[in-house]
All heavy atoms as atom14 arrays in JSON, in Angstrom:
{
  "sequence": "DMRRIGRFSCSDPLLSRLHENVVWSMRGNFVDVPTDCPQRDERLGW",
  "atom14_mask": [
    [1, 1, 1, 1, 1, 1, 1, 1, 0, 0, 0, 0, 0, 0],
    [1, 1, 1, 1, 1, 1, 1, 1, 0, 0, 0, 0, 0, 0],
    [1, 1, 1, 1, 1, 1, 1, 1, 1, 1, 1, 0, 0, 0],
    [1, 1, 1, 1, 1, 1, 1, 1, 1, 1, 1, 0, 0, 0],
    [1, 1, 1, 1, 1, 1, 1, 1, 0, 0, 0, 0, 0, 0],
    [1, 1, 1, 1, 0, 0, 0, 0, 0, 0, 0, 0, 0, 0],
    [1, 1, 1, 1, 1, 1, 1, 1, 1, 1, 1, 0, 0, 0],
    [1, 1, 1, 1, 1, 1, 1, 1, 1, 1, 1, 0, 0, 0],
    [1, 1, 1, 1, 1, 1, 0, 0, 0, 0, 0, 0, 0, 0],
    [1, 1, 1, 1, 1, 1, 0, 0, 0, 0, 0, 0, 0, 0],
    [1, 1, 1, 1, 1, 1, 0, 0, 0, 0, 0, 0, 0, 0],
    [1, 1, 1, 1, 1, 1, 1, 1, 0, 0, 0, 0, 0, 0],
    [1, 1, 1, 1, 1, 1, 1, 0, 0, 0, 0, 0, 0, 0],
    [1, 1, 1, 1, 1, 1, 1, 1, 0, 0, 0, 0, 0, 0],
    [1, 1, 1, 1, 1, 1, 1, 1, 0, 0, 0, 0, 0, 0],
    [1, 1, 1, 1, 1, 1, 0, 0, 0, 0, 0, 0, 0, 0],
    [1, 1, 1, 1, 1, 1, 1, 1, 1, 1, 1, 0, 0, 0],
    [1, 1, 1, 1, 1, 1, 1, 1, 0, 0, 0, 0, 0, 0],
    [1, 1, 1, 1, 1, 1, 1, 1, 1, 1, 0, 0, 0, 0],
    [1, 1, 1, 1, 1, 1, 1, 1, 1, 0, 0, 0, 0, 0],
    [1, 1, 1, 1, 1, 1, 1, 1, 0, 0, 0, 0, 0, 0],
    [1, 1, 1, 1, 1, 1, 1, 0, 0, 0, 0, 0, 0, 0],
    [1, 1, 1, 1, 1, 1, 1, 0, 0, 0, 0, 0, 0, 0],
    [1, 1, 1, 1, 1, 1, 1, 1, 1, 1, 1, 1, 1, 1],
    [1, 1, 1, 1, 1, 1, 0, 0, 0, 0, 0, 0, 0, 0],
    [1, 1, 1, 1, 1, 1, 1, 1, 0, 0, 0, 0, 0, 0],
    [1, 1, 1, 1, 1, 1, 1, 1, 1, 1, 1, 0, 0, 0],
    [1, 1, 1, 1, 0, 0, 0, 0, 0, 0, 0, 0, 0, 0],
    [1, 1, 1, 1, 1, 1, 1, 1, 0, 0, 0, 0, 0, 0],
    [1, 1, 1, 1, 1, 1, 1, 1, 1, 1, 1, 0, 0, 0],
    [1, 1, 1, 1, 1, 1, 1, 0, 0, 0, 0, 0, 0, 0],
    [1, 1, 1, 1, 1, 1, 1, 1, 0, 0, 0, 0, 0, 0],
    [1, 1, 1, 1, 1, 1, 1, 0, 0, 0, 0, 0, 0, 0],
    [1, 1, 1, 1, 1, 1, 1, 0, 0, 0, 0, 0, 0, 0],
    [1, 1, 1, 1, 1, 1, 1, 0, 0, 0, 0, 0, 0, 0],
    [1, 1, 1, 1, 1, 1, 1, 1, 0, 0, 0, 0, 0, 0],
    [1, 1, 1, 1, 1, 1, 0, 0, 0, 0, 0, 0, 0, 0],
    [1, 1, 1, 1, 1, 1, 1, 0, 0, 0, 0, 0, 0, 0],
    [1, 1, 1, 1, 1, 1, 1, 1, 1, 0, 0, 0, 0, 0],
    [1, 1, 1, 1, 1, 1, 1, 1, 1, 1, 1, 0, 0, 0],
    [1, 1, 1, 1, 1, 1, 1, 1, 0, 0, 0, 0, 0, 0],
    [1, 1, 1, 1, 1, 1, 1, 1, 1, 0, 0, 0, 0, 0],
    [1, 1, 1, 1, 1, 1, 1, 1, 1, 1, 1, 0, 0, 0],
    [1, 1, 1, 1, 1, 1, 1, 1, 0, 0, 0, 0, 0, 0],
    [1, 1, 1, 1, 0, 0, 0, 0, 0, 0, 0, 0, 0, 0],
    [1, 1, 1, 1, 1, 1, 1, 1, 1, 1, 1, 1, 1, 1]
  ],
  "atom14_positions": [
    [[176.33, 148.83, 103.91], [176.21, 148.09, 105.16], [177.01, 148.79, 106.26], [178.24, 148.74, 106.26], [176.71, 146.66, 104.96], [176.48, 145.79, 106.18], [175.6, 146.13, 106.99], [177.18, 144.78, 106.31], [0.0, 0.0, 0.0], [0.0, 0.0, 0.0], [0.0, 0.0, 0.0], [0.0, 0.0, 0.0], [0.0, 0.0, 0.0], [0.0, 0.0, 0.0]],
    [[176.29, 149.47, 107.14], [176.92, 150.14, 108.28], [176.15, 149.76, 109.54], [174.92, 149.68, 109.52], [176.9, 151.65, 108.09], [177.75, 152.14, 106.96], [177.71, 153.93, 106.77], [176.04, 154.17, 106.18], [0.0, 0.0, 0.0], [0.0, 0.0, 0.0], [0.0, 0.0, 0.0], [0.0, 0.0, 0.0], [0.0, 0.0, 0.0], [0.0, 0.0, 0.0]],
    [[176.88, 149.55, 110.61], [176.26, 149.16, 111.88], [175.65, 150.38, 112.55], [176.29, 151.41, 112.72], [177.33, 148.53, 112.78], [176.81, 147.97, 114.09], [177.92, 147.22, 114.83], [179.11, 148.01, 115.0], [179.39, 148.74, 116.08], [178.55, 148.76, 117.09], [180.51, 149.42, 116.16], [0.0, 0.0, 0.0], [0.0, 0.0, 0.0], [0.0, 0.0, 0.0]],
    [[174.4, 150.25, 112.95], [173.7, 151.34, 113.66], [174.24, 151.41, 115.09], [174.27, 150.42, 115.81], [172.19, 151.05, 113.67], [171.36, 152.05, 114.41], [170.85, 153.13, 113.49], [170.08, 154.14, 114.21], [168.76, 154.23, 114.21], [168.05, 153.38, 113.52], [168.17, 155.18, 114.88], [0.0, 0.0, 0.0], [0.0, 0.0, 0.0], [0.0, 0.0, 0.0]],
    [[174.69, 152.6, 115.5], [175.25, 152.75, 116.84], [174.52, 153.81, 117.67], [174.62, 153.82, 118.88], [176.76, 153.06, 116.81], [177.04, 154.32, 115.99], [177.54, 151.88, 116.27], [178.49, 154.78, 116.03], [0.0, 0.0, 0.0], [0.0, 0.0, 0.0], [0.0, 0.0, 0.0], [0.0, 0.0, 0.0], [0.0, 0.0, 0.0], [0.0, 0.0, 0.0]],
    [[173.81, 154.72, 117.03], [173.15, 155.8, 117.75], [171.65, 155.74, 117.61], [171.12, 155.37, 116.57], [0.0, 0.0, 0.0], [0.0, 0.0, 0.0], [0.0, 0.0, 0.0], [0.0, 0.0, 0.0], [0.0, 0.0, 0.0], [0.0, 0.0, 0.0], [0.0, 0.0, 0.0], [0.0, 0.0, 0.0], [0.0, 0.0, 0.0], [0.0, 0.0, 0.0]],
    [[170.96, 156.08, 118.66], [169.5, 156.08, 118.65], [169.0, 157.32, 119.38], [169.69, 157.89, 120.22], [168.96, 154.84, 119.34], [169.48, 153.56, 118.71], [168.47, 152.47, 118.75], [168.99, 151.27, 118.14], [168.8, 150.94, 116.88], [168.12, 151.73, 116.09], [169.3, 149.83, 116.39], [0.0, 0.0, 0.0], [0.0, 0.0, 0.0], [0.0, 0.0, 0.0]],
    [[167.78, 157.7, 119.06], [167.14, 158.82, 119.71], [165.66, 158.51, 119.82], [165.05, 157.97, 118.9], [167.33, 160.1, 118.89], [166.51, 161.25, 119.38], [166.95, 162.02, 120.44], [165.28, 161.55, 118.81], [166.18, 163.09, 120.9], [164.51, 162.6, 119.26], [164.96, 163.37, 120.31], [0.0, 0.0, 0.0], [0.0, 0.0, 0.0], [0.0, 0.0, 0.0]],
    [[165.09, 158.85, 120.95], [163.63, 158.78, 121.1], [163.23, 159.77, 122.18], [164.04, 160.17, 123.02], [163.19, 157.36, 121.48], [163.67, 157.02, 122.75], [0.0, 0.0, 0.0], [0.0, 0.0, 0.0], [0.0, 0.0, 0.0], [0.0, 0.0, 0.0], [0.0, 0.0, 0.0], [0.0, 0.0, 0.0], [0.0, 0.0, 0.0], [0.0, 0.0, 0.0]],
    [[161.99, 160.2, 122.1], [161.49, 161.14, 123.09], [159.98, 160.95, 123.2], [159.39, 160.13, 122.51], [161.85, 162.58, 122.72], [160.99, 163.2, 121.28], [0.0, 0.0, 0.0], [0.0, 0.0, 0.0], [0.0, 0.0, 0.0], [0.0, 0.0, 0.0], [0.0, 0.0, 0.0], [0.0, 0.0, 0.0], [0.0, 0.0, 0.0], [0.0, 0.0, 0.0]],
    [[159.36, 161.72, 124.06], [157.92, 161.57, 124.29], [157.09, 162.18, 123.17], [155.9, 161.9, 123.06], [157.54, 162.22, 125.63], [157.85, 163.6, 125.6], [0.0, 0.0, 0.0], [0.0, 0.0, 0.0], [0.0, 0.0, 0.0], [0.0, 0.0, 0.0], [0.0, 0.0, 0.0], [0.0, 0.0, 0.0], [0.0, 0.0, 0.0], [0.0, 0.0, 0.0]],
    [[157.69, 162.98, 122.32], [156.96, 163.59, 121.2], [157.04, 162.66, 119.99], [158.1, 162.5, 119.39], [157.57, 164.94, 120.86], [156.81, 165.69, 119.79], [156.12, 165.05, 118.96], [156.9, 166.93, 119.77], [0.0, 0.0, 0.0], [0.0, 0.0, 0.0], [0.0, 0.0, 0.0], [0.0, 0.0, 0.0], [0.0, 0.0, 0.0], [0.0, 0.0, 0.0]],
    [[155.94, 162.04, 119.61], [155.99, 161.07, 118.5], [156.38, 161.71, 117.16], [157.02, 161.06, 116.33], [154.57, 160.51, 118.44], [153.72, 161.45, 119.2], [154.6, 162.16, 120.17], [0.0, 0.0, 0.0], [0.0, 0.0, 0.0], [0.0, 0.0, 0.0], [0.0, 0.0, 0.0], [0.0, 0.0, 0.0], [0.0, 0.0, 0.0], [0.0, 0.0, 0.0]],
    [[156.07, 162.97, 116.95], [156.45, 163.63, 115.7], [157.96, 163.85, 115.63], [158.57, 163.66, 114.57], [155.71, 164.96, 115.54], [154.21, 164.85, 115.3], [153.58, 166.23, 115.25], [153.92, 164.08, 114.03], [0.0, 0.0, 0.0], [0.0, 0.0, 0.0], [0.0, 0.0, 0.0], [0.0, 0.0, 0.0], [0.0, 0.0, 0.0], [0.0, 0.0, 0.0]],
    [[158.56, 164.22, 116.73], [160.0, 164.41, 116.76], [160.73, 163.07, 116.59], [161.72, 162.97, 115.87], [160.44, 165.11, 118.05], [161.88, 165.56, 118.14], [162.26, 166.45, 116.96], [162.13, 166.29, 119.45], [0.0, 0.0, 0.0], [0.0, 0.0, 0.0], [0.0, 0.0, 0.0], [0.0, 0.0, 0.0], [0.0, 0.0, 0.0], [0.0, 0.0, 0.0]],
    [[160.22, 162.04, 117.24], [160.81, 160.7, 117.08], [160.68, 160.24, 115.63], [161.61, 159.63, 115.08], [160.14, 159.7, 118.02], [160.45, 160.02, 119.36], [0.0, 0.0, 0.0], [0.0, 0.0, 0.0], [0.0, 0.0, 0.0], [0.0, 0.0, 0.0], [0.0, 0.0, 0.0], [0.0, 0.0, 0.0], [0.0, 0.0, 0.0], [0.0, 0.0, 0.0]],
    [[159.55, 160.51, 115.0], [159.35, 160.13, 113.6], [160.29, 160.91, 112.69], [160.84, 160.36, 111.74], [157.89, 160.4, 113.21], [157.55, 159.97, 111.82], [157.56, 158.46, 111.73], [158.25, 158.09, 110.53], [158.76, 156.91, 110.28], [158.66, 155.95, 111.16], [159.36, 156.65, 109.17], [0.0, 0.0, 0.0], [0.0, 0.0, 0.0], [0.0, 0.0, 0.0]],
    [[160.49, 162.19, 112.97], [161.43, 162.99, 112.2], [162.83, 162.38, 112.26], [163.53, 162.27, 111.25], [161.46, 164.43, 112.71], [162.48, 165.35, 112.05], [162.19, 165.53, 110.56], [162.54, 166.69, 112.76], [0.0, 0.0, 0.0], [0.0, 0.0, 0.0], [0.0, 0.0, 0.0], [0.0, 0.0, 0.0], [0.0, 0.0, 0.0], [0.0, 0.0, 0.0]],
    [[163.22, 161.95, 113.44], [164.53, 161.32, 113.6], [164.62, 160.05, 112.76], [165.63, 159.83, 112.07], [164.8, 161.0, 115.08], [166.02, 160.18, 115.28], [167.29, 160.7, 115.15], [166.18, 158.88, 115.57], [168.17, 159.75, 115.36], [167.52, 158.63, 115.62], [0.0, 0.0, 0.0], [0.0, 0.0, 0.0], [0.0, 0.0, 0.0], [0.0, 0.0, 0.0]],
    [[163.61, 159.22, 112.79], [163.63, 157.98, 111.99], [163.64, 158.3, 110.49], [164.24, 157.57, 109.71], [162.47, 157.07, 112.35], [162.67, 156.35, 113.67], [164.0, 155.6, 113.74], [164.31, 154.8, 112.81], [164.75, 155.8, 114.72], [0.0, 0.0, 0.0], [0.0, 0.0, 0.0], [0.0, 0.0, 0.0], [0.0, 0.0, 0.0], [0.0, 0.0, 0.0]],
    [[163.01, 159.39, 110.09], [163.07, 159.81, 108.68], [164.5, 160.17, 108.29], [164.93, 159.89, 107.17], [162.14, 160.99, 108.43], [160.69, 160.6, 108.46], [160.33, 159.43, 108.46], [159.83, 161.6, 108.52], [0.0, 0.0, 0.0], [0.0, 0.0, 0.0], [0.0, 0.0, 0.0], [0.0, 0.0, 0.0], [0.0, 0.0, 0.0], [0.0, 0.0, 0.0]],
    [[165.23, 160.81, 109.2], [166.64, 161.13, 108.94], [167.44, 159.84, 108.75], [168.26, 159.73, 107.83], [167.24, 161.98, 110.09], [168.75, 162.11, 109.96], [166.58, 163.35, 110.13], [0.0, 0.0, 0.0], [0.0, 0.0, 0.0], [0.0, 0.0, 0.0], [0.0, 0.0, 0.0], [0.0, 0.0, 0.0], [0.0, 0.0, 0.0], [0.0, 0.0, 0.0]],
    [[167.19, 158.86, 109.6], [167.89, 157.57, 109.5], [167.62, 156.92, 108.14], [168.54, 156.49, 107.45], [167.48, 156.63, 110.65], [168.03, 155.22, 110.42], [167.97, 157.18, 111.98], [0.0, 0.0, 0.0], [0.0, 0.0, 0.0], [0.0, 0.0, 0.0], [0.0, 0.0, 0.0], [0.0, 0.0, 0.0], [0.0, 0.0, 0.0], [0.0, 0.0, 0.0]],
    [[166.36, 156.85, 107.74], [166.03, 156.21, 106.46], [166.55, 157.02, 105.28], [167.0, 156.45, 104.28], [164.53, 156.0, 106.35], [164.13, 154.77, 107.1], [163.53, 154.71, 108.32], [164.36, 153.41, 106.71], [163.37, 153.39, 108.71], [163.87, 152.59, 107.74], [164.94, 152.83, 105.6], [163.93, 151.2, 107.68], [165.0, 151.44, 105.54], [164.5, 150.65, 106.57]],
    [[166.55, 158.32, 105.38], [167.1, 159.16, 104.32], [168.6, 158.91, 104.17], [169.12, 158.81, 103.06], [166.83, 160.63, 104.63], [167.37, 161.45, 103.64], [0.0, 0.0, 0.0], [0.0, 0.0, 0.0], [0.0, 0.0, 0.0], [0.0, 0.0, 0.0], [0.0, 0.0, 0.0], [0.0, 0.0, 0.0], [0.0, 0.0, 0.0], [0.0, 0.0, 0.0]],
    [[169.29, 158.79, 105.3], [170.72, 158.52, 105.25], [170.98, 157.17, 104.6], [171.87, 157.04, 103.77], [171.31, 158.55, 106.66], [172.79, 158.25, 106.67], [173.46, 158.25, 108.32], [174.97, 157.36, 108.02], [0.0, 0.0, 0.0], [0.0, 0.0, 0.0], [0.0, 0.0, 0.0], [0.0, 0.0, 0.0], [0.0, 0.0, 0.0], [0.0, 0.0, 0.0]],
    [[170.21, 156.15, 104.97], [170.41, 154.83, 104.37], [170.26, 154.88, 102.85], [171.01, 154.25, 102.12], [169.41, 153.83, 104.94], [169.73, 153.43, 106.34], [168.74, 152.41, 106.84], [169.07, 152.06, 108.21], [168.46, 151.1, 108.87], [167.51, 150.42, 108.31], [168.81, 150.85, 110.11], [0.0, 0.0, 0.0], [0.0, 0.0, 0.0], [0.0, 0.0, 0.0]],
    [[169.29, 155.64, 102.38], [169.06, 155.74, 100.95], [170.11, 156.58, 100.23], [170.32, 156.42, 99.03], [0.0, 0.0, 0.0], [0.0, 0.0, 0.0], [0.0, 0.0, 0.0], [0.0, 0.0, 0.0], [0.0, 0.0, 0.0], [0.0, 0.0, 0.0], [0.0, 0.0, 0.0], [0.0, 0.0, 0.0], [0.0, 0.0, 0.0], [0.0, 0.0, 0.0]],
    [[170.76, 157.46, 100.95], [171.75, 158.34, 100.34], [173.2, 157.89, 100.56], [174.11, 158.51, 100.04], [171.59, 159.77, 100.86], [170.38, 160.45, 100.25], [170.08, 160.28, 99.09], [169.68, 161.22, 101.06], [0.0, 0.0, 0.0], [0.0, 0.0, 0.0], [0.0, 0.0, 0.0], [0.0, 0.0, 0.0], [0.0, 0.0, 0.0], [0.0, 0.0, 0.0]],
    [[173.41, 156.85, 101.33], [174.76, 156.31, 101.54], [174.86, 154.98, 100.82], [174.79, 153.91, 101.41], [175.04, 156.13, 103.04], [175.53, 157.37, 103.72], [174.83, 158.56, 103.63], [176.69, 157.36, 104.47], [175.27, 159.71, 104.26], [177.14, 158.5, 105.11], [176.44, 159.67, 105.0], [0.0, 0.0, 0.0], [0.0, 0.0, 0.0], [0.0, 0.0, 0.0]],
    [[175.01, 155.05, 99.51], [175.17, 153.87, 98.67], [176.5, 154.02, 97.96], [176.59, 154.73, 96.96], [174.01, 153.73, 97.66], [174.18, 152.48, 96.82], [172.67, 153.71, 98.38], [0.0, 0.0, 0.0], [0.0, 0.0, 0.0], [0.0, 0.0, 0.0], [0.0, 0.0, 0.0], [0.0, 0.0, 0.0], [0.0, 0.0, 0.0], [0.0, 0.0, 0.0]],
    [[177.52, 153.44, 98.5], [178.89, 153.49, 98.0], [179.55, 154.85, 98.21], [180.71, 154.91, 98.57], [178.95, 153.08, 96.53], [180.37, 152.78, 96.09], [181.11, 152.16, 96.88], [180.74, 153.17, 94.97], [0.0, 0.0, 0.0], [0.0, 0.0, 0.0], [0.0, 0.0, 0.0], [0.0, 0.0, 0.0], [0.0, 0.0, 0.0], [0.0, 0.0, 0.0]],
    [[178.83, 155.94, 97.99], [179.31, 157.29, 98.28], [178.19, 158.05, 98.97], [177.02, 157.77, 98.75], [179.76, 158.06, 97.01], [180.93, 157.4, 96.33], [178.61, 158.26, 96.06], [0.0, 0.0, 0.0], [0.0, 0.0, 0.0], [0.0, 0.0, 0.0], [0.0, 0.0, 0.0], [0.0, 0.0, 0.0], [0.0, 0.0, 0.0], [0.0, 0.0, 0.0]],
    [[178.54, 159.03, 99.82], [177.48, 159.83, 100.45], [176.9, 160.81, 99.43], [177.63, 161.59, 98.82], [178.2, 160.56, 101.58], [179.63, 160.61, 101.16], [179.86, 159.4, 100.31], [0.0, 0.0, 0.0], [0.0, 0.0, 0.0], [0.0, 0.0, 0.0], [0.0, 0.0, 0.0], [0.0, 0.0, 0.0], [0.0, 0.0, 0.0], [0.0, 0.0, 0.0]],
    [[175.6, 160.75, 99.22], [174.94, 161.63, 98.25], [173.96, 162.54, 98.95], [173.66, 162.38, 100.13], [174.2, 160.82, 97.18], [173.2, 160.02, 97.81], [175.14, 159.96, 96.38], [0.0, 0.0, 0.0], [0.0, 0.0, 0.0], [0.0, 0.0, 0.0], [0.0, 0.0, 0.0], [0.0, 0.0, 0.0], [0.0, 0.0, 0.0], [0.0, 0.0, 0.0]],
    [[173.42, 163.47, 98.19], [172.4, 164.38, 98.7], [171.04, 163.93, 98.21], [170.26, 163.34, 98.94], [172.7, 165.8, 98.26], [171.57, 166.77, 98.58], [170.87, 166.52, 99.58], [171.39, 167.73, 97.85], [0.0, 0.0, 0.0], [0.0, 0.0, 0.0], [0.0, 0.0, 0.0], [0.0, 0.0, 0.0], [0.0, 0.0, 0.0], [0.0, 0.0, 0.0]],
    [[170.75, 164.19, 96.98], [169.44, 163.89, 96.4], [169.63, 162.95, 95.22], [169.94, 163.4, 94.12], [168.75, 165.17, 95.93], [168.42, 166.31, 97.27], [0.0, 0.0, 0.0], [0.0, 0.0, 0.0], [0.0, 0.0, 0.0], [0.0, 0.0, 0.0], [0.0, 0.0, 0.0], [0.0, 0.0, 0.0], [0.0, 0.0, 0.0], [0.0, 0.0, 0.0]],
    [[169.46, 161.65, 95.41], [169.73, 160.71, 94.32], [168.8, 160.89, 93.13], [169.09, 160.41, 92.05], [169.56, 159.35, 94.97], [168.8, 159.58, 96.21], [169.05, 161.0, 96.63], [0.0, 0.0, 0.0], [0.0, 0.0, 0.0], [0.0, 0.0, 0.0], [0.0, 0.0, 0.0], [0.0, 0.0, 0.0], [0.0, 0.0, 0.0], [0.0, 0.0, 0.0]],
    [[167.7, 161.6, 93.29], [166.79, 161.8, 92.16], [167.19, 162.98, 91.28], [166.63, 163.17, 90.22], [165.34, 161.98, 92.66], [165.04, 163.34, 93.25], [165.42, 163.47, 94.71], [166.14, 162.67, 95.26], [164.92, 164.52, 95.35], [0.0, 0.0, 0.0], [0.0, 0.0, 0.0], [0.0, 0.0, 0.0], [0.0, 0.0, 0.0], [0.0, 0.0, 0.0]],
    [[168.17, 163.76, 91.71], [168.61, 164.91, 90.91], [170.1, 164.74, 90.57], [170.75, 163.81, 91.0], [168.41, 166.21, 91.7], [166.97, 166.48, 92.02], [166.77, 167.89, 92.52], [167.68, 168.25, 93.57], [167.32, 168.71, 94.75], [166.06, 168.84, 95.05], [168.22, 169.05, 95.65], [0.0, 0.0, 0.0], [0.0, 0.0, 0.0], [0.0, 0.0, 0.0]],
    [[170.64, 165.69, 89.84], [172.05, 165.62, 89.43], [173.01, 165.96, 90.56], [174.2, 166.14, 90.31], [172.29, 166.54, 88.23], [171.7, 165.95, 86.97], [171.53, 164.72, 86.91], [171.38, 166.73, 86.05], [0.0, 0.0, 0.0], [0.0, 0.0, 0.0], [0.0, 0.0, 0.0], [0.0, 0.0, 0.0], [0.0, 0.0, 0.0], [0.0, 0.0, 0.0]],
    [[172.54, 166.07, 91.78], [173.4, 166.34, 92.92], [173.79, 165.04, 93.61], [174.19, 165.02, 94.75], [172.68, 167.26, 93.91], [172.32, 168.59, 93.31], [171.32, 169.35, 94.16], [171.07, 168.94, 95.29], [170.79, 170.35, 93.67], [0.0, 0.0, 0.0], [0.0, 0.0, 0.0], [0.0, 0.0, 0.0], [0.0, 0.0, 0.0], [0.0, 0.0, 0.0]],
    [[173.69, 163.93, 92.91], [173.9, 162.62, 93.52], [175.35, 162.15, 93.51], [175.63, 161.03, 93.88], [173.01, 161.6, 92.87], [173.28, 161.38, 91.41], [172.26, 160.43, 90.79], [172.35, 160.45, 89.38], [171.64, 161.22, 88.58], [170.77, 162.05, 89.09], [171.79, 161.18, 87.28], [0.0, 0.0, 0.0], [0.0, 0.0, 0.0], [0.0, 0.0, 0.0]],
    [[176.26, 162.98, 93.07], [177.65, 162.53, 92.99], [178.34, 162.48, 94.34], [179.3, 161.76, 94.51], [178.42, 163.41, 92.01], [177.91, 163.34, 90.57], [178.68, 164.31, 89.7], [177.98, 161.94, 90.03], [0.0, 0.0, 0.0], [0.0, 0.0, 0.0], [0.0, 0.0, 0.0], [0.0, 0.0, 0.0], [0.0, 0.0, 0.0], [0.0, 0.0, 0.0]],
    [[177.88, 163.23, 95.29], [178.4, 163.11, 96.64], [179.84, 163.51, 96.82], [180.62, 162.8, 97.44], [0.0, 0.0, 0.0], [0.0, 0.0, 0.0], [0.0, 0.0, 0.0], [0.0, 0.0, 0.0], [0.0, 0.0, 0.0], [0.0, 0.0, 0.0], [0.0, 0.0, 0.0], [0.0, 0.0, 0.0], [0.0, 0.0, 0.0], [0.0, 0.0, 0.0]],
    [[180.25, 164.64, 96.26], [181.66, 164.98, 96.33], [182.09, 165.52, 97.68], [183.03, 165.02, 98.26], [182.03, 165.92, 95.2], [181.92, 165.21, 93.89], [181.08, 165.52, 92.86], [182.61, 164.03, 93.5], [181.21, 164.62, 91.85], [182.14, 163.68, 92.22], [183.55, 163.22, 94.08], [182.6, 162.58, 91.51], [184.01, 162.13, 93.37], [183.54, 161.82, 92.12]]
  ]
}
C-alpha cells in the first residue's frame, strides 16, 4: 500500500500506455520487498 503521487500523460497514446504499464509492473513487484521478476528466481529483491 503506497500512495500514488506522480503521474504522466501525453498526446501519444502508446507512450501513455507504456507509462501505465510501468506503474502496474511496479505494483506487482513491490510486495513487501522490491523485486524484479517474481516469476523467476530473481524475486528476492536484494
